C-alpha cells in the first residue's frame, strides 16, 4: 500500500507479505523498513511521477441552452465572477462555449438567456477547481 503526502509524492509504503513465516518476520500488514531508492527530484516539481492529477486552472465549458417554455433562445450573456465574458445573439442558440479560469479558487458562472418576446432565465453554477456544483435556475421577468 502506498500513502501519498500532501504534495502528492509517496510518503510511506506498506508491504503485505503474502506468505509470512510462522514466527519470523513482521506481522502481516505491519510497516516494514526496506531499502528504498530516494524519491526522484521530479516528484518535488510539477508533473513528476507519483504526483496526483494536475490542478484545474481553467475549464472550457459548453453551456447547453435548449429552449425556454417552447421558445427558441435568441440572446445569451455569460458572466464569470460578475464580469461579462461572452455574449451571443441569433435565431435559435443551442450552446455557448466559455473558458473559465479557476486559479484563484472558485468561479461563479452566470448565464442569462432570453427569448424573442423578452422572457428569460438565469442559471448560476459554481466551479471549485475541477468540481462543479448543481445548476440553479431562476426565471427572469420579461423586458418592457
C-alpha atoms as a PDB file:
ATOM      1  CA  UNK A   1       0.000   0.000   0.000  1.00  0.00           C
ATOM      2  CA  UNK A   2       1.278   3.472  -0.832  1.00  0.00           C
ATOM      3  CA  UNK A   3       0.425   6.566   1.231  1.00  0.00           C
ATOM      4  CA  UNK A   4       0.729   9.872  -0.590  1.00  0.00           C
ATOM      5  CA  UNK A   5       1.695  13.072   1.192  1.00  0.00           C
ATOM      6  CA  UNK A   6       0.031  16.467   0.834  1.00  0.00           C
ATOM      7  CA  UNK A   7       2.338  17.318  -2.078  1.00  0.00           C
ATOM      8  CA  UNK A   8       1.283  14.204  -3.999  1.00  0.00           C
ATOM      9  CA  UNK A   9       4.574  12.356  -3.520  1.00  0.00           C
ATOM     10  CA  UNK A  10       4.929   8.946  -1.917  1.00  0.00           C
ATOM     11  CA  UNK A  11       5.182   9.465   1.863  1.00  0.00           C
ATOM     12  CA  UNK A  12       5.095   5.842   3.120  1.00  0.00           C
ATOM     13  CA  UNK A  13       4.985   2.338   1.716  1.00  0.00           C
ATOM     14  CA  UNK A  14       3.494  -0.655   3.492  1.00  0.00           C
ATOM     15  CA  UNK A  15       4.288  -4.151   2.294  1.00  0.00           C
ATOM     16  CA  UNK A  16       1.966  -7.043   2.917  1.00  0.00           C
ATOM     17  CA  UNK A  17       3.722 -10.394   2.926  1.00  0.00           C
ATOM     18  CA  UNK A  18       1.636 -12.872   1.032  1.00  0.00           C
ATOM     19  CA  UNK A  19       3.277 -15.940   2.589  1.00  0.00           C
ATOM     20  CA  UNK A  20       4.533 -14.853   6.027  1.00  0.00           C
ATOM     21  CA  UNK A  21       6.681 -17.160   8.074  1.00  0.00           C
ATOM     22  CA  UNK A  22       5.005 -18.625  11.180  1.00  0.00           C
ATOM     23  CA  UNK A  23       7.090 -16.897  13.852  1.00  0.00           C
ATOM     24  CA  UNK A  24       9.732 -14.990  11.971  1.00  0.00           C
ATOM     25  CA  UNK A  25       9.468 -11.550  10.485  1.00  0.00           C
ATOM     26  CA  UNK A  26       6.969  -8.775  10.987  1.00  0.00           C
ATOM     27  CA  UNK A  27       3.227  -9.282  11.299  1.00  0.00           C
ATOM     28  CA  UNK A  28       1.033  -9.208   8.275  1.00  0.00           C
ATOM     29  CA  UNK A  29       0.297  -5.595   7.329  1.00  0.00           C
ATOM     30  CA  UNK A  30       2.951  -4.056   9.597  1.00  0.00           C
ATOM     31  CA  UNK A  31       5.208  -1.355   8.258  1.00  0.00           C
ATOM     32  CA  UNK A  32       8.456  -2.882   7.065  1.00  0.00           C
ATOM     33  CA  UNK A  33      11.629  -0.869   6.653  1.00  0.00           C
ATOM     34  CA  UNK A  34      13.156  -1.757   3.340  1.00  0.00           C
ATOM     35  CA  UNK A  35      15.865  -0.055   1.395  1.00  0.00           C
ATOM     36  CA  UNK A  36      14.030   2.338  -0.883  1.00  0.00           C
ATOM     37  CA  UNK A  37      15.539   4.416  -3.608  1.00  0.00           C
ATOM     38  CA  UNK A  38      15.197   8.089  -2.802  1.00  0.00           C
ATOM     39  CA  UNK A  39      12.316   9.883  -4.438  1.00  0.00           C
ATOM     40  CA  UNK A  40      13.208  11.262  -7.836  1.00  0.00           C
ATOM     41  CA  UNK A  41      13.717  15.017  -7.899  1.00  0.00           C
ATOM     42  CA  UNK A  42      10.819  15.280 -10.375  1.00  0.00           C
ATOM     43  CA  UNK A  43       8.435  14.462  -7.535  1.00  0.00           C
ATOM     44  CA  UNK A  44       9.138  17.793  -5.867  1.00  0.00           C
ATOM     45  CA  UNK A  45       8.473  19.686  -9.079  1.00  0.00           C
ATOM     46  CA  UNK A  46       5.328  19.764 -11.139  1.00  0.00           C
ATOM     47  CA  UNK A  47       4.470  16.865 -13.400  1.00  0.00           C
ATOM     48  CA  UNK A  48       6.628  14.293 -11.642  1.00  0.00           C
ATOM     49  CA  UNK A  49       5.992  10.595 -11.339  1.00  0.00           C
ATOM     50  CA  UNK A  50       3.794   9.776  -8.373  1.00  0.00           C
ATOM     51  CA  UNK A  51       2.096  13.146  -8.345  1.00  0.00           C
ATOM     52  CA  UNK A  52      -1.664  13.483  -8.258  1.00  0.00           C
ATOM     53  CA  UNK A  53      -3.638  14.864 -11.181  1.00  0.00           C
ATOM     54  CA  UNK A  54      -2.789  18.435 -12.143  1.00  0.00           C
ATOM     55  CA  UNK A  55      -4.963  21.114 -10.635  1.00  0.00           C
ATOM     56  CA  UNK A  56      -7.650  22.516 -12.912  1.00  0.00           C
ATOM     57  CA  UNK A  57      -6.530  26.045 -13.628  1.00  0.00           C
ATOM     58  CA  UNK A  58      -9.039  26.667 -16.404  1.00  0.00           C
ATOM     59  CA  UNK A  59     -12.011  24.824 -17.836  1.00  0.00           C
ATOM     60  CA  UNK A  60     -13.741  25.123 -21.172  1.00  0.00           C
ATOM     61  CA  UNK A  61     -17.489  24.863 -20.587  1.00  0.00           C
ATOM     62  CA  UNK A  62     -20.065  24.041 -23.229  1.00  0.00           C
ATOM     63  CA  UNK A  63     -23.238  25.635 -21.862  1.00  0.00           C
ATOM     64  CA  UNK A  64     -26.246  23.902 -23.392  1.00  0.00           C
ATOM     65  CA  UNK A  65     -29.141  26.332 -23.687  1.00  0.00           C
ATOM     66  CA  UNK A  66     -32.017  24.358 -25.196  1.00  0.00           C
ATOM     67  CA  UNK A  67     -35.272  26.313 -25.281  1.00  0.00           C
ATOM     68  CA  UNK A  68     -37.337  28.171 -22.723  1.00  0.00           C
ATOM     69  CA  UNK A  69     -41.013  27.212 -22.441  1.00  0.00           C
ATOM     70  CA  UNK A  70     -41.054  26.025 -26.038  1.00  0.00           C
ATOM     71  CA  UNK A  71     -39.498  29.192 -27.435  1.00  0.00           C
ATOM     72  CA  UNK A  72     -36.027  29.318 -29.008  1.00  0.00           C
ATOM     73  CA  UNK A  73     -33.278  31.252 -27.253  1.00  0.00           C
ATOM     74  CA  UNK A  74     -32.373  34.468 -29.100  1.00  0.00           C
ATOM     75  CA  UNK A  75     -29.723  36.114 -26.902  1.00  0.00           C
ATOM     76  CA  UNK A  76     -27.296  34.874 -24.256  1.00  0.00           C
ATOM     77  CA  UNK A  77     -24.885  36.614 -21.912  1.00  0.00           C
ATOM     78  CA  UNK A  78     -22.319  34.723 -19.842  1.00  0.00           C
ATOM     79  CA  UNK A  79     -20.669  36.265 -16.776  1.00  0.00           C
ATOM     80  CA  UNK A  80     -17.736  34.874 -14.775  1.00  0.00           C
ATOM     81  CA  UNK A  81     -17.418  36.389 -11.297  1.00  0.00           C
ATOM     82  CA  UNK A  82     -19.719  39.223 -12.372  1.00  0.00           C
ATOM     83  CA  UNK A  83     -17.724  40.132 -15.485  1.00  0.00           C
ATOM     84  CA  UNK A  84     -19.235  39.721 -18.963  1.00  0.00           C
ATOM     85  CA  UNK A  85     -17.080  37.227 -20.862  1.00  0.00           C
ATOM     86  CA  UNK A  86     -19.274  36.264 -23.803  1.00  0.00           C
ATOM     87  CA  UNK A  87     -22.466  37.433 -25.475  1.00  0.00           C
ATOM     88  CA  UNK A  88     -24.270  35.953 -28.467  1.00  0.00           C
ATOM     89  CA  UNK A  89     -27.397  36.656 -30.488  1.00  0.00           C
ATOM     90  CA  UNK A  90     -29.095  34.508 -33.119  1.00  0.00           C
ATOM     91  CA  UNK A  91     -32.293  32.851 -34.185  1.00  0.00           C
ATOM     92  CA  UNK A  92     -32.027  29.600 -32.251  1.00  0.00           C
ATOM     93  CA  UNK A  93     -28.982  29.363 -29.981  1.00  0.00           C
ATOM     94  CA  UNK A  94     -28.209  25.867 -28.723  1.00  0.00           C
ATOM     95  CA  UNK A  95     -24.935  26.196 -26.815  1.00  0.00           C
ATOM     96  CA  UNK A  96     -22.269  28.659 -25.792  1.00  0.00           C
ATOM     97  CA  UNK A  97     -18.564  27.905 -25.242  1.00  0.00           C
ATOM     98  CA  UNK A  98     -16.941  29.725 -22.326  1.00  0.00           C
ATOM     99  CA  UNK A  99     -13.432  29.410 -20.887  1.00  0.00           C
ATOM    100  CA  UNK A 100     -13.338  29.810 -17.103  1.00  0.00           C
ATOM    101  CA  UNK A 101     -10.180  30.314 -15.033  1.00  0.00           C
ATOM    102  CA  UNK A 102     -10.405  28.863 -11.527  1.00  0.00           C
ATOM    103  CA  UNK A 103      -6.835  29.501 -10.432  1.00  0.00           C
ATOM    104  CA  UNK A 104      -7.993  31.772  -7.602  1.00  0.00           C
ATOM    105  CA  UNK A 105     -10.168  29.073  -6.028  1.00  0.00           C
ATOM    106  CA  UNK A 106     -13.835  29.305  -7.012  1.00  0.00           C
ATOM    107  CA  UNK A 107     -15.516  30.893 -10.012  1.00  0.00           C
ATOM    108  CA  UNK A 108     -19.216  31.731 -10.311  1.00  0.00           C
ATOM    109  CA  UNK A 109     -20.632  31.371 -13.828  1.00  0.00           C
ATOM    110  CA  UNK A 110     -23.936  33.135 -14.532  1.00  0.00           C
ATOM    111  CA  UNK A 111     -25.779  32.694 -17.832  1.00  0.00           C
ATOM    112  CA  UNK A 112     -28.698  34.951 -18.777  1.00  0.00           C
ATOM    113  CA  UNK A 113     -30.714  33.755 -21.774  1.00  0.00           C
ATOM    114  CA  UNK A 114     -33.702  35.467 -23.400  1.00  0.00           C
ATOM    115  CA  UNK A 115     -36.327  34.562 -25.988  1.00  0.00           C
ATOM    116  CA  UNK A 116     -37.683  36.834 -28.730  1.00  0.00           C
ATOM    117  CA  UNK A 117     -40.592  38.043 -26.601  1.00  0.00           C
ATOM    118  CA  UNK A 118     -38.289  39.044 -23.728  1.00  0.00           C
ATOM    119  CA  UNK A 119     -38.845  36.130 -21.365  1.00  0.00           C
ATOM    120  CA  UNK A 120     -35.728  34.571 -19.981  1.00  0.00           C
ATOM    121  CA  UNK A 121     -33.942  32.555 -17.355  1.00  0.00           C
ATOM    122  CA  UNK A 122     -30.772  32.860 -15.332  1.00  0.00           C
ATOM    123  CA  UNK A 123     -28.671  29.824 -14.476  1.00  0.00           C
ATOM    124  CA  UNK A 124     -25.851  30.012 -11.935  1.00  0.00           C
ATOM    125  CA  UNK A 125     -23.189  27.389 -11.296  1.00  0.00           C
ATOM    126  CA  UNK A 126     -20.039  27.453  -9.162  1.00  0.00           C
ATOM    127  CA  UNK A 127     -16.720  25.884 -10.156  1.00  0.00           C
ATOM    128  CA  UNK A 128     -14.228  24.919  -7.456  1.00  0.00           C
ATOM    129  CA  UNK A 129     -11.091  23.500  -9.018  1.00  0.00           C
ATOM    130  CA  UNK A 130     -12.225  20.558 -11.138  1.00  0.00           C
ATOM    131  CA  UNK A 131     -15.613  20.193  -9.418  1.00  0.00           C
ATOM    132  CA  UNK A 132     -18.881  21.789 -10.498  1.00  0.00           C
ATOM    133  CA  UNK A 133     -21.949  22.420  -8.404  1.00  0.00           C
ATOM    134  CA  UNK A 134     -25.525  21.839  -9.450  1.00  0.00           C
ATOM    135  CA  UNK A 135     -27.058  24.447 -11.766  1.00  0.00           C
ATOM    136  CA  UNK A 136     -29.518  26.781 -10.031  1.00  0.00           C
ATOM    137  CA  UNK A 137     -32.064  28.296 -12.428  1.00  0.00           C
ATOM    138  CA  UNK A 138     -34.430  31.236 -11.898  1.00  0.00           C
ATOM    139  CA  UNK A 139     -36.951  32.802 -14.265  1.00  0.00           C
ATOM    140  CA  UNK A 140     -36.343  36.405 -15.357  1.00  0.00           C
ATOM    141  CA  UNK A 141     -39.161  38.889 -15.764  1.00  0.00           C
ATOM    142  CA  UNK A 142     -39.890  39.978 -19.348  1.00  0.00           C
ATOM    143  CA  UNK A 143     -38.196  43.148 -20.562  1.00  0.00           C
ATOM    144  CA  UNK A 144     -40.500  46.029 -21.392  1.00  0.00           C
END
